[in-house]
C-alpha atoms as a PDB file:
ATOM      1  CA  MET A   1     107.627  91.288 148.984  1.00  0.00           C
ATOM      2  CA  GLN A   2     108.890  90.224 145.461  1.00  0.00           C
ATOM      3  CA  LEU A   3     107.033  91.605 142.353  1.00  0.00           C
ATOM      4  CA  PRO A   4     105.894  89.004 139.850  1.00  0.00           C
ATOM      5  CA  SER A   5     108.361  88.611 137.008  1.00  0.00           C
ATOM      6  CA  VAL A   6     105.688  90.019 134.599  1.00  0.00           C
ATOM      7  CA  LEU A   7     105.839  93.322 136.281  1.00  0.00           C
ATOM      8  CA  THR A   8     109.594  93.619 136.411  1.00  0.00           C
ATOM      9  CA  LYS A   9     112.034  93.936 133.453  1.00  0.00           C
ATOM     10  CA  LYS A  10     115.659  93.304 133.456  1.00  0.00           C
ATOM     11  CA  THR A  11     117.488  96.561 132.641  1.00  0.00           C
ATOM     12  CA  SER A  12     121.234  97.478 131.950  1.00  0.00           C
ATOM     13  CA  THR A  13     122.953 100.709 132.305  1.00  0.00           C
ATOM     14  CA  ILE A  14     124.901 102.204 129.441  1.00  0.00           C
ATOM     15  CA  THR A  15     126.448 105.489 128.627  1.00  0.00           C
ATOM     16  CA  PHE A  16     126.251 107.413 125.362  1.00  0.00           C
ATOM     17  CA  ARG A  17     127.728 110.600 124.086  1.00  0.00           C
ATOM     18  CA  ILE A  18     125.258 112.463 121.838  1.00  0.00           C
ATOM     19  CA  ASP A  19     125.195 115.958 120.271  1.00  0.00           C
ATOM     20  CA  GLU A  20     124.113 118.589 122.524  1.00  0.00           C
ATOM     21  CA  LYS A  21     121.312 119.682 120.224  1.00  0.00           C
ATOM     22  CA  TYR A  22     120.027 116.071 120.271  1.00  0.00           C
ATOM     23  CA  GLU A  23     120.082 116.101 124.137  1.00  0.00           C
ATOM     24  CA  LYS A  24     118.121 119.294 124.232  1.00  0.00           C
ATOM     25  CA  GLY A  25     115.566 118.002 121.803  1.00  0.00           C
ATOM     26  CA  LEU A  26     115.134 114.841 123.704  1.00  0.00           C
ATOM     27  CA  ARG A  27     114.713 116.691 127.084  1.00  0.00           C
ATOM     28  CA  LYS A  28     112.160 118.904 125.539  1.00  0.00           C
ATOM     29  CA  GLU A  29     110.230 115.924 123.993  1.00  0.00           C
ATOM     30  CA  ALA A  30     110.375 114.096 127.395  1.00  0.00           C
ATOM     31  CA  LYS A  31     109.102 117.152 129.159  1.00  0.00           C
ATOM     32  CA  ASP A  32     106.290 117.723 126.670  1.00  0.00           C
ATOM     33  CA  LYS A  33     105.265 114.094 127.057  1.00  0.00           C
ATOM     34  CA  ARG A  34     105.665 114.229 130.911  1.00  0.00           C
ATOM     35  CA  ILE A  35     107.830 111.270 130.821  1.00  0.00           C
ATOM     36  CA  SER A  36     111.529 110.842 132.098  1.00  0.00           C
ATOM     37  CA  LEU A  37     114.328 111.090 129.672  1.00  0.00           C
ATOM     38  CA  ASN A  38     115.123 107.522 130.453  1.00  0.00           C
ATOM     39  CA  THR A  39     111.513 106.359 129.557  1.00  0.00           C
ATOM     40  CA  LEU A  40     111.790 108.245 126.254  1.00  0.00           C
ATOM     41  CA  ALA A  41     115.148 106.798 125.410  1.00  0.00           C
ATOM     42  CA  ASN A  42     113.618 103.288 126.209  1.00  0.00           C
ATOM     43  CA  GLN A  43     110.749 104.091 123.899  1.00  0.00           C
ATOM     44  CA  ILE A  44     113.015 105.187 121.089  1.00  0.00           C
ATOM     45  CA  PHE A  45     115.338 102.189 121.369  1.00  0.00           C
ATOM     46  CA  GLY A  46     112.323  99.835 121.624  1.00  0.00           C
ATOM     47  CA  ASP A  47     110.784 101.269 118.400  1.00  0.00           C
ATOM     48  CA  TYR A  48     114.013 100.873 116.680  1.00  0.00           C
ATOM     49  CA  VAL A  49     114.577  97.228 117.877  1.00  0.00           C
ATOM     50  CA  GLU A  50     110.962  96.072 117.470  1.00  0.00           C
ATOM     51  CA  LEU A  51     110.090  97.816 114.177  1.00  0.00           C
ATOM     52  CA  ASP A  52     112.269 100.437 112.706  1.00  0.00           C
ATOM     53  CA  GLN A  53     115.297  98.240 111.800  1.00  0.00           C
ATOM     54  CA  TYR A  54     112.955  95.804 110.139  1.00  0.00           C
ATOM     55  CA  MET A  55     111.133  98.473 108.239  1.00  0.00           C
ATOM     56  CA  ASN A  56     114.342  99.796 106.983  1.00  0.00           C
ATOM     57  CA  LYS A  57     115.607  96.374 105.953  1.00  0.00           C
ATOM     58  CA  PHE A  58     112.282  95.606 104.335  1.00  0.00           C
ATOM     59  CA  GLY A  59     112.089  98.815 102.354  1.00  0.00           C
ATOM     60  CA  MET A  60     109.055 100.362 103.869  1.00  0.00           C
ATOM     61  CA  VAL A  61     107.960 103.786 102.771  1.00  0.00           C
ATOM     62  CA  GLU A  62     106.291 106.103 105.237  1.00  0.00           C
ATOM     63  CA  MET A  63     103.291 108.289 104.288  1.00  0.00           C
ATOM     64  CA  SER A  64     101.446 110.960 106.270  1.00  0.00           C
ATOM     65  CA  LYS A  65      97.780 110.357 107.225  1.00  0.00           C
ATOM     66  CA  GLY A  66      96.831 113.296 105.087  1.00  0.00           C
ATOM     67  CA  SER A  67      98.542 111.777 102.019  1.00  0.00           C
ATOM     68  CA  PHE A  68      97.026 108.397 102.695  1.00  0.00           C
ATOM     69  CA  ARG A  69      93.604 109.931 102.953  1.00  0.00           C
ATOM     70  CA  GLU A  70      94.107 111.786  99.621  1.00  0.00           C
ATOM     71  CA  LEU A  71      95.057 108.689  97.977  1.00  0.00           C
ATOM     72  CA  LEU A  72      92.060 106.795  99.193  1.00  0.00           C
ATOM     73  CA  ASN A  73      89.784 109.749  98.117  1.00  0.00           C
ATOM     74  CA  SER A  74      91.300 109.575  94.559  1.00  0.00           C
ATOM     75  CA  LEU A  75      90.166 105.922  94.222  1.00  0.00           C
ATOM     76  CA  ASP A  76      86.797 104.425  93.676  1.00  0.00           C
ATOM     77  CA  GLU A  77      85.659 101.580  95.853  1.00  0.00           C
ATOM     78  CA  LYS A  78      86.617  98.853  93.428  1.00  0.00           C
ATOM     79  CA  ASN A  79      90.183 100.222  93.019  1.00  0.00           C
ATOM     80  CA  ILE A  80      90.459 100.648  96.843  1.00  0.00           C
ATOM     81  CA  ILE A  81      89.624  97.027  97.352  1.00  0.00           C
ATOM     82  CA  ASN A  82      92.066  95.790  94.710  1.00  0.00           C
ATOM     83  CA  PHE A  83      94.952  98.064  96.026  1.00  0.00           C
ATOM     84  CA  ALA A  84      94.273  96.694  99.573  1.00  0.00           C
ATOM     85  CA  LYS A  85      94.076  93.012  98.459  1.00  0.00           C
ATOM     86  CA  SER A  86      97.242  93.465  96.367  1.00  0.00           C
ATOM     87  CA  ILE A  87      99.462  94.772  99.141  1.00  0.00           C
ATOM     88  CA  GLY A  88      97.727  92.736 101.967  1.00  0.00           C
ATOM     89  CA  SER A  89      98.186  89.450 100.223  1.00  0.00           C
ATOM     90  CA  LYS A  90     101.954  89.951  99.697  1.00  0.00           C
ATOM     91  CA  GLU A  91     103.860  92.216 101.936  1.00  0.00           C
ATOM     92  CA  PRO A  92     102.434  91.422 105.462  1.00  0.00           C
ATOM     93  CA  LYS A  93     103.335  87.649 104.882  1.00  0.00           C
ATOM     94  CA  ASP A  94     106.845  88.569 103.741  1.00  0.00           C
ATOM     95  CA  PHE A  95     107.383  91.009 106.634  1.00  0.00           C
ATOM     96  CA  ILE A  96     106.039  88.562 109.139  1.00  0.00           C
ATOM     97  CA  LEU A  97     108.375  85.777 107.956  1.00  0.00           C
ATOM     98  CA  PHE A  98     111.316  88.417 107.746  1.00  0.00           C
ATOM     99  CA  LYS A  99     110.656  89.546 111.465  1.00  0.00           C
ATOM    100  CA  TRP A 100     109.302  86.522 113.185  1.00  0.00           C
ATOM    101  CA  LYS A 101     110.499  83.620 110.927  1.00  0.00           C
ATOM    102  CA  GLU A 102     107.130  81.762 111.032  1.00  0.00           C
ATOM    103  CA  ILE A 103     103.428  82.358 110.427  1.00  0.00           C
ATOM    104  CA  THR A 104     101.359  81.784 113.510  1.00  0.00           C
ATOM    105  CA  PRO A 105      98.167  83.492 114.818  1.00  0.00           C
ATOM    106  CA  GLN A 106     100.319  85.260 117.392  1.00  0.00           C
ATOM    107  CA  SER A 107     102.808  86.605 114.754  1.00  0.00           C
ATOM    108  CA  ILE A 108      99.897  87.744 112.627  1.00  0.00           C
ATOM    109  CA  THR A 109      98.193  89.689 115.524  1.00  0.00           C
ATOM    110  CA  ASP A 110     101.590  91.055 116.537  1.00  0.00           C
ATOM    111  CA  PHE A 111     102.226  92.384 113.001  1.00  0.00           C
ATOM    112  CA  ILE A 112      98.758  93.999 112.801  1.00  0.00           C
ATOM    113  CA  LYS A 113      99.076  95.792 116.013  1.00  0.00           C
ATOM    114  CA  MET A 114     102.683  96.947 115.308  1.00  0.00           C
ATOM    115  CA  TYR A 115     101.965  97.841 111.786  1.00  0.00           C
ATOM    116  CA  PHE A 116      98.732  99.720 112.313  1.00  0.00           C
ATOM    117  CA  GLU A 117      99.884 101.686 115.357  1.00  0.00           C
ATOM    118  CA  HIS A 118     103.322 102.471 114.107  1.00  0.00           C
ATOM    119  CA  CYS A 119     102.236 103.268 110.572  1.00  0.00           C
ATOM    120  CA  GLY A 120      99.431 105.332 111.502  1.00  0.00           C
ATOM    121  CA  TYR A 121      96.553 103.207 110.164  1.00  0.00           C
ATOM    122  CA  GLY A 122      94.726 103.319 113.607  1.00  0.00           C
ATOM    123  CA  MET A 123      94.742 102.080 117.184  1.00  0.00           C
ATOM    124  CA  CYS A 124      94.287  98.331 117.746  1.00  0.00           C
ATOM    125  CA  ASP A 125      92.795  96.406 120.475  1.00  0.00           C
ATOM    126  CA  MET A 126      93.336  92.636 120.544  1.00  0.00           C
ATOM    127  CA  GLN A 127      91.531  89.784 122.214  1.00  0.00           C
ATOM    128  CA  ILE A 128      92.112  86.010 122.078  1.00  0.00           C
ATOM    129  CA  GLU A 129      89.450  83.725 123.253  1.00  0.00           C
ATOM    130  CA  ASP A 130      88.762  80.123 122.668  1.00  0.00           C
ATOM    131  CA  SER A 131      91.101  80.011 119.728  1.00  0.00           C
ATOM    132  CA  ILE A 132      89.483  83.020 117.965  1.00  0.00           C
ATOM    133  CA  SER A 133      91.506  86.213 117.626  1.00  0.00           C
ATOM    134  CA  THR A 134      89.594  89.542 117.388  1.00  0.00           C
ATOM    135  CA  VAL A 135      91.374  92.674 116.209  1.00  0.00           C
ATOM    136  CA  SER A 136      89.522  95.971 116.494  1.00  0.00           C
ATOM    137  CA  VAL A 137      90.944  99.003 114.776  1.00  0.00           C
ATOM    138  CA  HIS A 138      89.809 102.637 115.174  1.00  0.00           C
ATOM    139  CA  HIS A 139      90.958 104.887 112.434  1.00  0.00           C
ATOM    140  CA  GLU A 140      90.540 108.369 111.049  1.00  0.00           C
ATOM    141  CA  PHE A 141      90.094 107.755 107.385  1.00  0.00           C
ATOM    142  CA  GLY A 142      86.284 107.608 106.963  1.00  0.00           C
ATOM    143  CA  ILE A 143      84.351 104.995 105.063  1.00  0.00           C
ATOM    144  CA  LYS A 144      86.874 104.632 102.315  1.00  0.00           C
ATOM    145  CA  GLY A 145      89.486 103.858 104.997  1.00  0.00           C
ATOM    146  CA  SER A 146      87.138 101.162 106.394  1.00  0.00           C
ATOM    147  CA  ILE A 147      86.790  99.684 102.877  1.00  0.00           C
ATOM    148  CA  PHE A 148      90.718  99.707 102.485  1.00  0.00           C
ATOM    149  CA  LEU A 149      91.412  98.217 106.001  1.00  0.00           C
ATOM    150  CA  LYS A 150      88.605  95.538 105.639  1.00  0.00           C
ATOM    151  CA  ALA A 151      90.082  94.239 102.278  1.00  0.00           C
ATOM    152  CA  PHE A 152      93.677  94.619 103.654  1.00  0.00           C
ATOM    153  CA  LEU A 153      92.954  92.617 106.911  1.00  0.00           C
ATOM    154  CA  GLU A 154      91.012  89.900 104.854  1.00  0.00           C
ATOM    155  CA  ALA A 155      93.977  89.623 102.511  1.00  0.00           C
ATOM    156  CA  ILE A 156      96.303  89.182 105.357  1.00  0.00           C
ATOM    157  CA  ILE A 157      94.352  86.279 106.885  1.00  0.00           C
ATOM    158  CA  GLN A 158      93.760  84.691 103.581  1.00  0.00           C
ATOM    159  CA  SER A 159      97.379  84.849 102.452  1.00  0.00           C
ATOM    160  CA  THR A 160      98.899  83.782 105.835  1.00  0.00           C
ATOM    161  CA  LEU A 161      96.501  81.354 107.406  1.00  0.00           C
ATOM    162  CA  GLU A 162      94.503  80.390 104.239  1.00  0.00           C
ATOM    163  CA  LYS A 163      91.330  81.045 106.105  1.00  0.00           C
ATOM    164  CA  GLU A 164      88.529  83.517 105.823  1.00  0.00           C
ATOM    165  CA  GLY A 165      88.240  86.092 108.438  1.00  0.00           C
ATOM    166  CA  ILE A 166      84.910  87.725 109.564  1.00  0.00           C
ATOM    167  CA  VAL A 167      85.088  91.573 109.166  1.00  0.00           C
ATOM    168  CA  GLU A 168      82.702  94.295 110.428  1.00  0.00           C
ATOM    169  CA  THR A 169      83.009  97.920 109.637  1.00  0.00           C
ATOM    170  CA  THR A 170      81.752 101.319 110.439  1.00  0.00           C
ATOM    171  CA  ASP A 171      82.791 104.602 109.051  1.00  0.00           C
ATOM    172  CA  ASN A 172      85.869 104.796 111.372  1.00  0.00           C
ATOM    173  CA  SER A 173      86.448 101.299 112.703  1.00  0.00           C
ATOM    174  CA  VAL A 174      87.107  97.767 111.506  1.00  0.00           C
ATOM    175  CA  THR A 175      86.813  94.489 113.534  1.00  0.00           C
ATOM    176  CA  LEU A 176      88.435  91.301 112.341  1.00  0.00           C
ATOM    177  CA  LYS A 177      87.863  87.886 113.798  1.00  0.00           C
ATOM    178  CA  PHE A 178      89.650  84.614 112.663  1.00  0.00           C
ATOM    179  CA  SER A 179      89.985  81.193 114.112  1.00  0.00           C
ATOM    180  CA  HIS A 180      93.449  79.604 114.807  1.00  0.00           C
END
């Protein structure tokens, strides 16, 4: 029986020489995660190819969750919204065009999922039904985080698709719906 092509991926075999200390670190990480060294290497290479190289070229700065939470806590609601709208209306559109070369509902949802999960804003769940995309984000930043993420997501949709999104929030989640 042949597996459907969706479940199988083409692979290739390559050999690397790496410093012994890196090998030990990688083996320990794979053991801690209960995955094979090959799976860990694939994840590392995938992260680099799909995100890291673009973030480096684009000049992204990483910040710990604790630092981001402190930043939000130092701002009042109006400044959080202004901050989120400012970065949400410029950088995501530039990044999407830089990586995917076009603005589409798919490239926008791909950006949101990648950006949120890899940058630590929260875990995303995506759904597309009847030309409406729904993005749900669960985060650990409390109400000020929801205020920021709501304004950030609204700015992304407005600046890329020139449409209004519908956003619902709780203290630790944000759900965005937008039509295609």
